[in-house]
Amino acid sequence: MPSKLFIGNLPRNATDQTLSEFVSGAGFQVTCAGVIRDRMPGMPRGFGFVELAEGEDRQRAIAGLNGQSLDGRPLTVKEARPQRTDFAQTRGGGGRSNFVRPRDFTDF
């Protein structure tokens, strides 16, 4: 099973390609790399994910890459957590029960 890493504090000009090349240049085999962007403006959000090839040692990659500099910025590298699927539960634990529905303005 491939290992997925979170890489934070990326420079604003970082691309999927530069992220992949950076990790590959450190001696790790990369399956895929992606810089996360805002939906509307498309600007990079300053972090991304790298999937290492099967058999790569995740802990060795974290130890080797964490604190390394990319375009003058020290990177934060750690194990990626699974994507959340319970968005409603993550905001105060109330889910939709605490959600205040906006008024219907159909009777103008």
PDB file of N, CA and C in Angstrom:
ATOM      1  N   MET A   1       0.843  -1.183   0.000  1.00  0.00           N
ATOM      2  CA  MET A   1       0.000   0.000   0.000  1.00  0.00           C
ATOM      3  C   MET A   1       0.889   1.249   0.000  1.00  0.00           C
ATOM      4  N   PRO A   2       0.632   2.213  -0.905  1.00  0.00           N
ATOM      5  CA  PRO A   2       1.461   3.411  -0.971  1.00  0.00           C
ATOM      6  C   PRO A   2       1.288   4.282   0.272  1.00  0.00           C
ATOM      7  N   SER A   3       2.312   5.062   0.580  1.00  0.00           N
ATOM      8  CA  SER A   3       2.299   5.973   1.715  1.00  0.00           C
ATOM      9  C   SER A   3       2.016   7.378   1.230  1.00  0.00           C
ATOM     10  N   LYS A   4       1.185   8.108   1.971  1.00  0.00           N
ATOM     11  CA  LYS A   4       0.835   9.462   1.588  1.00  0.00           C
ATOM     12  C   LYS A   4       1.364  10.426   2.644  1.00  0.00           C
ATOM     13  N   LEU A   5       2.029  11.493   2.181  1.00  0.00           N
ATOM     14  CA  LEU A   5       2.610  12.486   3.062  1.00  0.00           C
ATOM     15  C   LEU A   5       1.927  13.834   2.870  1.00  0.00           C
ATOM     16  N   PHE A   6       1.770  14.557   3.975  1.00  0.00           N
ATOM     17  CA  PHE A   6       1.321  15.944   3.958  1.00  0.00           C
ATOM     18  C   PHE A   6       2.574  16.803   3.933  1.00  0.00           C
ATOM     19  N   ILE A   7       2.610  17.786   3.050  1.00  0.00           N
ATOM     20  CA  ILE A   7       3.749  18.701   2.986  1.00  0.00           C
ATOM     21  C   ILE A   7       3.216  20.123   3.077  1.00  0.00           C
ATOM     22  N   GLY A   8       3.578  20.802   4.162  1.00  0.00           N
ATOM     23  CA  GLY A   8       3.085  22.153   4.424  1.00  0.00           C
ATOM     24  C   GLY A   8       4.162  23.205   4.290  1.00  0.00           C
ATOM     25  N   ASN A   9       3.721  24.457   4.291  1.00  0.00           N
ATOM     26  CA  ASN A   9       4.567  25.648   4.171  1.00  0.00           C
ATOM     27  C   ASN A   9       5.220  25.733   2.789  1.00  0.00           C
ATOM     28  N   LEU A  10       4.480  25.297   1.770  1.00  0.00           N
ATOM     29  CA  LEU A  10       4.991  25.371   0.401  1.00  0.00           C
ATOM     30  C   LEU A  10       5.012  26.819  -0.075  1.00  0.00           C
ATOM     31  N   PRO A  11       5.991  27.178  -0.904  1.00  0.00           N
ATOM     32  CA  PRO A  11       5.986  28.521  -1.478  1.00  0.00           C
ATOM     33  C   PRO A  11       4.803  28.694  -2.436  1.00  0.00           C
ATOM     34  N   ARG A  12       4.381  29.920  -2.638  1.00  0.00           N
ATOM     35  CA  ARG A  12       3.211  30.204  -3.486  1.00  0.00           C
ATOM     36  C   ARG A  12       3.405  29.795  -4.943  1.00  0.00           C
ATOM     37  N   ASN A  13       4.642  29.717  -5.387  1.00  0.00           N
ATOM     38  CA  ASN A  13       4.879  29.344  -6.781  1.00  0.00           C
ATOM     39  C   ASN A  13       5.050  27.836  -6.964  1.00  0.00           C
ATOM     40  N   ALA A  14       4.833  27.054  -5.928  1.00  0.00           N
ATOM     41  CA  ALA A  14       4.995  25.597  -6.023  1.00  0.00           C
ATOM     42  C   ALA A  14       3.922  24.996  -6.931  1.00  0.00           C
ATOM     43  N   THR A  15       4.329  24.034  -7.725  1.00  0.00           N
ATOM     44  CA  THR A  15       3.403  23.308  -8.604  1.00  0.00           C
ATOM     45  C   THR A  15       3.496  21.822  -8.276  1.00  0.00           C
ATOM     46  N   ASP A  16       2.598  21.050  -8.857  1.00  0.00           N
ATOM     47  CA  ASP A  16       2.644  19.598  -8.684  1.00  0.00           C
ATOM     48  C   ASP A  16       4.011  19.068  -9.124  1.00  0.00           C
ATOM     49  N   GLN A  17       4.500  19.587 -10.231  1.00  0.00           N
ATOM     50  CA  GLN A  17       5.772  19.141 -10.798  1.00  0.00           C
ATOM     51  C   GLN A  17       6.946  19.471  -9.872  1.00  0.00           C
ATOM     52  N   THR A  18       7.005  20.706  -9.355  1.00  0.00           N
ATOM     53  CA  THR A  18       8.121  21.073  -8.478  1.00  0.00           C
ATOM     54  C   THR A  18       8.091  20.272  -7.182  1.00  0.00           C
ATOM     55  N   LEU A  19       6.891  19.980  -6.669  1.00  0.00           N
ATOM     56  CA  LEU A  19       6.771  19.174  -5.451  1.00  0.00           C
ATOM     57  C   LEU A  19       7.265  17.751  -5.704  1.00  0.00           C
ATOM     58  N   SER A  20       6.864  17.175  -6.825  1.00  0.00           N
ATOM     59  CA  SER A  20       7.300  15.832  -7.181  1.00  0.00           C
ATOM     60  C   SER A  20       8.815  15.777  -7.375  1.00  0.00           C
ATOM     61  N   GLU A  21       9.361  16.754  -8.070  1.00  0.00           N
ATOM     62  CA  GLU A  21      10.807  16.798  -8.305  1.00  0.00           C
ATOM     63  C   GLU A  21      11.582  16.977  -7.008  1.00  0.00           C
ATOM     64  N   PHE A  22      11.057  17.770  -6.085  1.00  0.00           N
ATOM     65  CA  PHE A  22      11.732  17.993  -4.806  1.00  0.00           C
ATOM     66  C   PHE A  22      11.846  16.694  -4.017  1.00  0.00           C
ATOM     67  N   VAL A  23      10.753  15.948  -3.930  1.00  0.00           N
ATOM     68  CA  VAL A  23      10.756  14.691  -3.170  1.00  0.00           C
ATOM     69  C   VAL A  23      11.598  13.637  -3.895  1.00  0.00           C
ATOM     70  N   SER A  24      11.482  13.578  -5.203  1.00  0.00           N
ATOM     71  CA  SER A  24      12.287  12.632  -5.982  1.00  0.00           C
ATOM     72  C   SER A  24      13.780  12.953  -5.851  1.00  0.00           C
ATOM     73  N   GLY A  25      14.101  14.228  -5.849  1.00  0.00           N
ATOM     74  CA  GLY A  25      15.482  14.651  -5.720  1.00  0.00           C
ATOM     75  C   GLY A  25      16.091  14.284  -4.372  1.00  0.00           C
ATOM     76  N   ALA A  26      15.244  14.078  -3.377  1.00  0.00           N
ATOM     77  CA  ALA A  26      15.720  13.670  -2.048  1.00  0.00           C
ATOM     78  C   ALA A  26      15.917  12.160  -1.978  1.00  0.00           C
ATOM     79  N   GLY A  27      15.622  11.459  -3.081  1.00  0.00           N
ATOM     80  CA  GLY A  27      15.883  10.027  -3.135  1.00  0.00           C
ATOM     81  C   GLY A  27      14.682   9.137  -2.897  1.00  0.00           C
ATOM     82  N   PHE A  28      13.489   9.678  -3.005  1.00  0.00           N
ATOM     83  CA  PHE A  28      12.277   8.883  -2.789  1.00  0.00           C
ATOM     84  C   PHE A  28      11.500   8.765  -4.089  1.00  0.00           C
ATOM     85  N   GLN A  29      10.918   7.592  -4.304  1.00  0.00           N
ATOM     86  CA  GLN A  29      10.135   7.340  -5.514  1.00  0.00           C
ATOM     87  C   GLN A  29       8.716   7.870  -5.296  1.00  0.00           C
ATOM     88  N   VAL A  30       8.278   8.750  -6.182  1.00  0.00           N
ATOM     89  CA  VAL A  30       6.973   9.399  -6.065  1.00  0.00           C
ATOM     90  C   VAL A  30       6.002   8.797  -7.064  1.00  0.00           C
ATOM     91  N   THR A  31       4.812   8.413  -6.572  1.00  0.00           N
ATOM     92  CA  THR A  31       3.751   7.940  -7.451  1.00  0.00           C
ATOM     93  C   THR A  31       2.969   9.120  -8.004  1.00  0.00           C
ATOM     94  N   CYS A  32       2.583  10.051  -7.117  1.00  0.00           N
ATOM     95  CA  CYS A  32       1.912  11.269  -7.553  1.00  0.00           C
ATOM     96  C   CYS A  32       2.111  12.354  -6.496  1.00  0.00           C
ATOM     97  N   ALA A  33       1.978  13.599  -6.941  1.00  0.00           N
ATOM     98  CA  ALA A  33       2.133  14.752  -6.057  1.00  0.00           C
ATOM     99  C   ALA A  33       1.126  15.804  -6.482  1.00  0.00           C
ATOM    100  N   GLY A  34       0.580  16.510  -5.503  1.00  0.00           N
ATOM    101  CA  GLY A  34      -0.395  17.535  -5.824  1.00  0.00           C
ATOM    102  C   GLY A  34      -0.371  18.671  -4.827  1.00  0.00           C
ATOM    103  N   VAL A  35      -0.358  19.899  -5.343  1.00  0.00           N
ATOM    104  CA  VAL A  35      -0.456  21.103  -4.524  1.00  0.00           C
ATOM    105  C   VAL A  35      -1.934  21.458  -4.455  1.00  0.00           C
ATOM    106  N   ILE A  36      -2.441  21.686  -3.267  1.00  0.00           N
ATOM    107  CA  ILE A  36      -3.857  22.008  -3.078  1.00  0.00           C
ATOM    108  C   ILE A  36      -4.088  23.483  -3.388  1.00  0.00           C
ATOM    109  N   ARG A  37      -5.154  23.748  -4.142  1.00  0.00           N
ATOM    110  CA  ARG A  37      -5.480  25.110  -4.570  1.00  0.00           C
ATOM    111  C   ARG A  37      -6.885  25.493  -4.122  1.00  0.00           C
ATOM    112  N   ASP A  38      -7.110  26.797  -3.958  1.00  0.00           N
ATOM    113  CA  ASP A  38      -8.452  27.307  -3.691  1.00  0.00           C
ATOM    114  C   ASP A  38      -9.326  27.028  -4.898  1.00  0.00           C
ATOM    115  N   ARG A  39     -10.583  26.798  -4.650  1.00  0.00           N
ATOM    116  CA  ARG A  39     -11.495  26.475  -5.764  1.00  0.00           C
ATOM    117  C   ARG A  39     -11.699  27.641  -6.714  1.00  0.00           C
ATOM    118  N   MET A  40     -12.033  28.794  -6.186  1.00  0.00           N
ATOM    119  CA  MET A  40     -12.375  29.909  -7.062  1.00  0.00           C
ATOM    120  C   MET A  40     -11.158  30.597  -7.670  1.00  0.00           C
ATOM    121  N   PRO A  41     -10.259  31.176  -6.885  1.00  0.00           N
ATOM    122  CA  PRO A  41      -9.156  31.882  -7.541  1.00  0.00           C
ATOM    123  C   PRO A  41      -8.082  30.956  -8.095  1.00  0.00           C
ATOM    124  N   GLY A  42      -8.046  29.712  -7.639  1.00  0.00           N
ATOM    125  CA  GLY A  42      -7.050  28.772  -8.134  1.00  0.00           C
ATOM    126  C   GLY A  42      -5.662  28.988  -7.572  1.00  0.00           C
ATOM    127  N   MET A  43      -5.546  29.795  -6.537  1.00  0.00           N
ATOM    128  CA  MET A  43      -4.242  30.071  -5.926  1.00  0.00           C
ATOM    129  C   MET A  43      -3.844  28.921  -5.009  1.00  0.00           C
ATOM    130  N   PRO A  44      -2.549  28.587  -4.965  1.00  0.00           N
ATOM    131  CA  PRO A  44      -2.090  27.527  -4.063  1.00  0.00           C
ATOM    132  C   PRO A  44      -2.367  27.892  -2.613  1.00  0.00           C
ATOM    133  N   ARG A  45      -2.727  26.900  -1.806  1.00  0.00           N
ATOM    134  CA  ARG A  45      -3.058  27.137  -0.403  1.00  0.00           C
ATOM    135  C   ARG A  45      -1.868  26.935   0.529  1.00  0.00           C
ATOM    136  N   GLY A  46      -0.714  26.573  -0.014  1.00  0.00           N
ATOM    137  CA  GLY A  46       0.478  26.465   0.803  1.00  0.00           C
ATOM    138  C   GLY A  46       0.754  25.067   1.336  1.00  0.00           C
ATOM    139  N   PHE A  47       0.007  24.084   0.849  1.00  0.00           N
ATOM    140  CA  PHE A  47       0.282  22.706   1.247  1.00  0.00           C
ATOM    141  C   PHE A  47      -0.098  21.765   0.124  1.00  0.00           C
ATOM    142  N   GLY A  48       0.388  20.542   0.243  1.00  0.00           N
ATOM    143  CA  GLY A  48       0.107  19.548  -0.772  1.00  0.00           C
ATOM    144  C   GLY A  48       0.311  18.149  -0.225  1.00  0.00           C
ATOM    145  N   PHE A  49       0.145  17.180  -1.094  1.00  0.00           N
ATOM    146  CA  PHE A  49       0.283  15.778  -0.716  1.00  0.00           C
ATOM    147  C   PHE A  49       1.156  15.058  -1.728  1.00  0.00           C
ATOM    148  N   VAL A  50       1.946  14.127  -1.220  1.00  0.00           N
ATOM    149  CA  VAL A  50       2.801  13.310  -2.070  1.00  0.00           C
ATOM    150  C   VAL A  50       2.537  11.858  -1.722  1.00  0.00           C
ATOM    151  N   GLU A  51       2.315  11.053  -2.742  1.00  0.00           N
ATOM    152  CA  GLU A  51       2.141   9.620  -2.543  1.00  0.00           C
ATOM    153  C   GLU A  51       3.438   8.933  -2.949  1.00  0.00           C
ATOM    154  N   LEU A  52       4.026   8.226  -1.990  1.00  0.00           N
ATOM    155  CA  LEU A  52       5.264   7.508  -2.256  1.00  0.00           C
ATOM    156  C   LEU A  52       4.956   6.154  -2.860  1.00  0.00           C
ATOM    157  N   ALA A  53       5.885   5.654  -3.656  1.00  0.00           N
ATOM    158  CA  ALA A  53       5.714   4.344  -4.278  1.00  0.00           C
ATOM    159  C   ALA A  53       5.691   3.260  -3.204  1.00  0.00           C
ATOM    160  N   GLU A  54       5.061   2.168  -3.549  1.00  0.00           N
ATOM    161  CA  GLU A  54       4.985   1.034  -2.628  1.00  0.00           C
ATOM    162  C   GLU A  54       6.385   0.579  -2.247  1.00  0.00           C
ATOM    163  N   GLY A  55       6.572   0.320  -0.973  1.00  0.00           N
ATOM    164  CA  GLY A  55       7.867  -0.133  -0.490  1.00  0.00           C
ATOM    165  C   GLY A  55       8.739   0.986   0.067  1.00  0.00           C
ATOM    166  N   GLU A  56       8.393   2.239  -0.208  1.00  0.00           N
ATOM    167  CA  GLU A  56       9.156   3.358   0.344  1.00  0.00           C
ATOM    168  C   GLU A  56       8.850   3.469   1.836  1.00  0.00           C
ATOM    169  N   ASP A  57       9.859   3.806   2.626  1.00  0.00           N
ATOM    170  CA  ASP A  57       9.707   3.943   4.068  1.00  0.00           C
ATOM    171  C   ASP A  57       9.181   5.337   4.405  1.00  0.00           C
ATOM    172  N   ARG A  58       7.950   5.401   4.845  1.00  0.00           N
ATOM    173  CA  ARG A  58       7.292   6.674   5.141  1.00  0.00           C
ATOM    174  C   ARG A  58       8.034   7.437   6.237  1.00  0.00           C
ATOM    175  N   GLN A  59       8.416   6.748   7.320  1.00  0.00           N
ATOM    176  CA  GLN A  59       9.092   7.426   8.428  1.00  0.00           C
ATOM    177  C   GLN A  59      10.454   7.975   8.014  1.00  0.00           C
ATOM    178  N   ARG A  60      11.157   7.250   7.168  1.00  0.00           N
ATOM    179  CA  ARG A  60      12.448   7.725   6.671  1.00  0.00           C
ATOM    180  C   ARG A  60      12.249   8.958   5.794  1.00  0.00           C
ATOM    181  N   ALA A  61      11.188   8.962   4.994  1.00  0.00           N
ATOM    182  CA  ALA A  61      10.891  10.114   4.142  1.00  0.00           C
ATOM    183  C   ALA A  61      10.528  11.332   4.996  1.00  0.00           C
ATOM    184  N   ILE A  62       9.734  11.130   6.025  1.00  0.00           N
ATOM    185  CA  ILE A  62       9.359  12.238   6.906  1.00  0.00           C
ATOM    186  C   ILE A  62      10.604  12.811   7.572  1.00  0.00           C
ATOM    187  N   ALA A  63      11.435  11.935   8.116  1.00  0.00           N
ATOM    188  CA  ALA A  63      12.659  12.387   8.791  1.00  0.00           C
ATOM    189  C   ALA A  63      13.605  13.099   7.819  1.00  0.00           C
ATOM    190  N   GLY A  64      13.664  12.626   6.587  1.00  0.00           N
ATOM    191  CA  GLY A  64      14.572  13.208   5.609  1.00  0.00           C
ATOM    192  C   GLY A  64      14.095  14.504   4.993  1.00  0.00           C
ATOM    193  N   LEU A  65      12.785  14.706   4.927  1.00  0.00           N
ATOM    194  CA  LEU A  65      12.239  15.881   4.254  1.00  0.00           C
ATOM    195  C   LEU A  65      11.795  16.988   5.204  1.00  0.00           C
ATOM    196  N   ASN A  66      11.377  16.642   6.418  1.00  0.00           N
ATOM    197  CA  ASN A  66      10.868  17.646   7.362  1.00  0.00           C
ATOM    198  C   ASN A  66      11.964  18.658   7.692  1.00  0.00           C
ATOM    199  N   GLY A  67      11.644  19.925   7.526  1.00  0.00           N
ATOM    200  CA  GLY A  67      12.602  20.994   7.797  1.00  0.00           C
ATOM    201  C   GLY A  67      13.462  21.371   6.608  1.00  0.00           C
ATOM    202  N   GLN A  68      13.431  20.570   5.534  1.00  0.00           N
ATOM    203  CA  GLN A  68      14.187  20.912   4.336  1.00  0.00           C
ATOM    204  C   GLN A  68      13.593  22.174   3.710  1.00  0.00           C
ATOM    205  N   SER A  69      14.406  22.912   2.995  1.00  0.00           N
ATOM    206  CA  SER A  69      13.980  24.182   2.430  1.00  0.00           C
ATOM    207  C   SER A  69      13.631  24.038   0.948  1.00  0.00           C
ATOM    208  N   LEU A  70      12.504  24.620   0.570  1.00  0.00           N
ATOM    209  CA  LEU A  70      12.099  24.705  -0.838  1.00  0.00           C
ATOM    210  C   LEU A  70      11.850  26.173  -1.136  1.00  0.00           C
ATOM    211  N   ASP A  71      12.643  26.748  -2.005  1.00  0.00           N
ATOM    212  CA  ASP A  71      12.585  28.181  -2.329  1.00  0.00           C
ATOM    213  C   ASP A  71      12.654  29.042  -1.065  1.00  0.00           C
ATOM    214  N   GLY A  72      13.521  28.658  -0.132  1.00  0.00           N
ATOM    215  CA  GLY A  72      13.735  29.443   1.079  1.00  0.00           C
ATOM    216  C   GLY A  72      12.724  29.225   2.190  1.00  0.00           C
ATOM    217  N   ARG A  73      11.811  28.281   2.008  1.00  0.00           N
ATOM    218  CA  ARG A  73      10.786  28.034   3.042  1.00  0.00           C
ATOM    219  C   ARG A  73      11.003  26.650   3.646  1.00  0.00           C
ATOM    220  N   PRO A  74      11.130  26.569   4.977  1.00  0.00           N
ATOM    221  CA  PRO A  74      11.291  25.258   5.615  1.00  0.00           C
ATOM    222  C   PRO A  74       9.968  24.491   5.583  1.00  0.00           C
ATOM    223  N   LEU A  75       9.998  23.288   5.065  1.00  0.00           N
ATOM    224  CA  LEU A  75       8.777  22.502   4.892  1.00  0.00           C
ATOM    225  C   LEU A  75       8.414  21.734   6.152  1.00  0.00           C
ATOM    226  N   THR A  76       7.133  21.542   6.336  1.00  0.00           N
ATOM    227  CA  THR A  76       6.601  20.682   7.387  1.00  0.00           C
ATOM    228  C   THR A  76       6.120  19.420   6.705  1.00  0.00           C
ATOM    229  N   VAL A  77       6.667  18.282   7.093  1.00  0.00           N
ATOM    230  CA  VAL A  77       6.297  17.015   6.457  1.00  0.00           C
ATOM    231  C   VAL A  77       5.849  16.057   7.540  1.00  0.00           C
ATOM    232  N   LYS A  78       4.664  15.494   7.344  1.00  0.00           N
ATOM    233  CA  LYS A  78       4.153  14.493   8.276  1.00  0.00           C
ATOM    234  C   LYS A  78       3.240  13.527   7.541  1.00  0.00           C
ATOM    235  N   GLU A  79       2.848  12.494   8.229  1.00  0.00           N
ATOM    236  CA  GLU A  79       1.962  11.500   7.634  1.00  0.00           C
ATOM    237  C   GLU A  79       0.602  12.137   7.366  1.00  0.00           C
ATOM    238  N   ALA A  80       0.077  11.894   6.171  1.00  0.00           N
ATOM    239  CA  ALA A  80      -1.238  12.434   5.820  1.00  0.00           C
ATOM    240  C   ALA A  80      -2.317  11.658   6.557  1.00  0.00           C
ATOM    241  N   ARG A  81      -3.298  12.397   7.051  1.00  0.00           N
ATOM    242  CA  ARG A  81      -4.443  11.763   7.697  1.00  0.00           C
ATOM    243  C   ARG A  81      -5.510  11.511   6.647  1.00  0.00           C
ATOM    244  N   PRO A  82      -6.371  10.514   6.883  1.00  0.00           N
ATOM    245  CA  PRO A  82      -7.450  10.263   5.917  1.00  0.00           C
ATOM    246  C   PRO A  82      -8.359  11.485   5.797  1.00  0.00           C
ATOM    247  N   GLN A  83      -8.896  11.668   4.610  1.00  0.00           N
ATOM    248  CA  GLN A  83      -9.787  12.797   4.361  1.00  0.00           C
ATOM    249  C   GLN A  83     -11.043  12.656   5.194  1.00  0.00           C
ATOM    250  N   ARG A  84     -11.493  13.759   5.769  1.00  0.00           N
ATOM    251  CA  ARG A  84     -12.704  13.738   6.591  1.00  0.00           C
ATOM    252  C   ARG A  84     -13.934  13.547   5.727  1.00  0.00           C
ATOM    253  N   THR A  85     -14.846  12.755   6.235  1.00  0.00           N
ATOM    254  CA  THR A  85     -16.117  12.579   5.531  1.00  0.00           C
ATOM    255  C   THR A  85     -17.275  13.072   6.383  1.00  0.00           C
ATOM    256  N   ASP A  86     -16.978  13.467   7.619  1.00  0.00           N
ATOM    257  CA  ASP A  86     -18.027  13.891   8.547  1.00  0.00           C
ATOM    258  C   ASP A  86     -17.972  15.387   8.793  1.00  0.00           C
ATOM    259  N   PHE A  87     -18.036  16.185   7.722  1.00  0.00           N
ATOM    260  CA  PHE A  87     -17.875  17.632   7.833  1.00  0.00           C
ATOM    261  C   PHE A  87     -18.842  18.243   8.842  1.00  0.00           C
ATOM    262  N   ALA A  88     -20.069  17.808   8.858  1.00  0.00           N
ATOM    263  CA  ALA A  88     -21.048  18.388   9.774  1.00  0.00           C
ATOM    264  C   ALA A  88     -20.662  18.140  11.227  1.00  0.00           C
ATOM    265  N   GLN A  89     -20.022  17.043  11.518  1.00  0.00           N
ATOM    266  CA  GLN A  89     -19.641  16.724  12.884  1.00  0.00           C
ATOM    267  C   GLN A  89     -18.367  17.435  13.330  1.00  0.00           C
ATOM    268  N   THR A  90     -17.585  17.983  12.420  1.00  0.00           N
ATOM    269  CA  THR A  90     -16.308  18.580  12.789  1.00  0.00           C
ATOM    270  C   THR A  90     -16.450  19.995  13.309  1.00  0.00           C
ATOM    271  N   ARG A  91     -17.568  20.630  13.160  1.00  0.00           N
ATOM    272  CA  ARG A  91     -17.733  22.015  13.571  1.00  0.00           C
ATOM    273  C   ARG A  91     -18.549  22.089  14.848  1.00  0.00           C
ATOM    274  N   GLY A  92     -17.937  21.787  15.963  1.00  0.00           N
ATOM    275  CA  GLY A  92     -18.603  21.910  17.249  1.00  0.00           C
ATOM    276  C   GLY A  92     -19.374  20.681  17.646  1.00  0.00           C
ATOM    277  N   GLY A  93     -19.372  19.657  16.845  1.00  0.00           N
ATOM    278  CA  GLY A  93     -20.022  18.410  17.193  1.00  0.00           C
ATOM    279  C   GLY A  93     -21.535  18.437  17.091  1.00  0.00           C
ATOM    280  N   GLY A  94     -22.112  19.577  16.739  1.00  0.00           N
ATOM    281  CA  GLY A  94     -23.562  19.671  16.712  1.00  0.00           C
ATOM    282  C   GLY A  94     -24.195  19.214  15.420  1.00  0.00           C
ATOM    283  N   GLY A  95     -23.384  19.101  14.387  1.00  0.00           N
ATOM    284  CA  GLY A  95     -23.939  18.704  13.103  1.00  0.00           C
ATOM    285  C   GLY A  95     -24.970  19.699  12.626  1.00  0.00           C
ATOM    286  N   ARG A  96     -25.976  19.241  11.958  1.00  0.00           N
ATOM    287  CA  ARG A  96     -27.011  20.122  11.425  1.00  0.00           C
ATOM    288  C   ARG A  96     -27.995  20.596  12.488  1.00  0.00           C
ATOM    289  N   SER A  97     -28.002  19.977  13.648  1.00  0.00           N
ATOM    290  CA  SER A  97     -28.966  20.385  14.670  1.00  0.00           C
ATOM    291  C   SER A  97     -28.709  21.806  15.155  1.00  0.00           C
ATOM    292  N   ASN A  98     -27.457  22.302  15.058  1.00  0.00           N
ATOM    293  CA  ASN A  98     -27.141  23.665  15.471  1.00  0.00           C
ATOM    294  C   ASN A  98     -27.196  24.644  14.307  1.00  0.00           C
ATOM    295  N   PHE A  99     -27.506  24.179  13.135  1.00  0.00           N
ATOM    296  CA  PHE A  99     -27.535  25.006  11.944  1.00  0.00           C
ATOM    297  C   PHE A  99     -28.814  25.844  11.940  1.00  0.00           C
ATOM    298  N   VAL A 100     -28.645  27.149  11.823  1.00  0.00           N
ATOM    299  CA  VAL A 100     -29.804  28.039  11.778  1.00  0.00           C
ATOM    300  C   VAL A 100     -30.137  28.275  10.322  1.00  0.00           C
ATOM    301  N   ARG A 101     -31.325  27.886   9.935  1.00  0.00           N
ATOM    302  CA  ARG A 101     -31.741  28.012   8.544  1.00  0.00           C
ATOM    303  C   ARG A 101     -32.130  29.455   8.238  1.00  0.00           C
ATOM    304  N   PRO A 102     -31.636  29.996   7.129  1.00  0.00           N
ATOM    305  CA  PRO A 102     -32.024  31.362   6.781  1.00  0.00           C
ATOM    306  C   PRO A 102     -33.508  31.433   6.448  1.00  0.00           C
ATOM    307  N   ARG A 103     -34.079  32.599   6.672  1.00  0.00           N
ATOM    308  CA  ARG A 103     -35.508  32.790   6.410  1.00  0.00           C
ATOM    309  C   ARG A 103     -35.816  32.647   4.934  1.00  0.00           C
ATOM    310  N   ASP A 104     -36.994  32.189   4.653  1.00  0.00           N
ATOM    311  CA  ASP A 104     -37.456  32.124   3.265  1.00  0.00           C
ATOM    312  C   ASP A 104     -37.999  33.506   2.894  1.00  0.00           C
ATOM    313  N   PHE A 105     -37.485  34.070   1.832  1.00  0.00           N
ATOM    314  CA  PHE A 105     -37.932  35.387   1.401  1.00  0.00           C
ATOM    315  C   PHE A 105     -38.717  35.267   0.105  1.00  0.00           C
ATOM    316  N   THR A 106     -39.629  34.318   0.042  1.00  0.00           N
ATOM    317  CA  THR A 106     -40.391  34.099  -1.176  1.00  0.00           C
ATOM    318  C   THR A 106     -41.677  34.917  -1.216  1.00  0.00           C
ATOM    319  N   ASP A 107     -42.063  35.555  -0.106  1.00  0.00           N
ATOM    320  CA  ASP A 107     -43.346  36.258  -0.091  1.00  0.00           C
ATOM    321  C   ASP A 107     -43.172  37.763  -0.231  1.00  0.00           C
ATOM    322  N   PHE A 108     -42.344  38.204  -1.164  1.00  0.00           N
ATOM    323  CA  PHE A 108     -42.165  39.653  -1.410  1.00  0.00           C
ATOM    324  C   PHE A 108     -43.235  40.162  -2.285  1.00  0.00           C
TER     325      PHE A 108
END
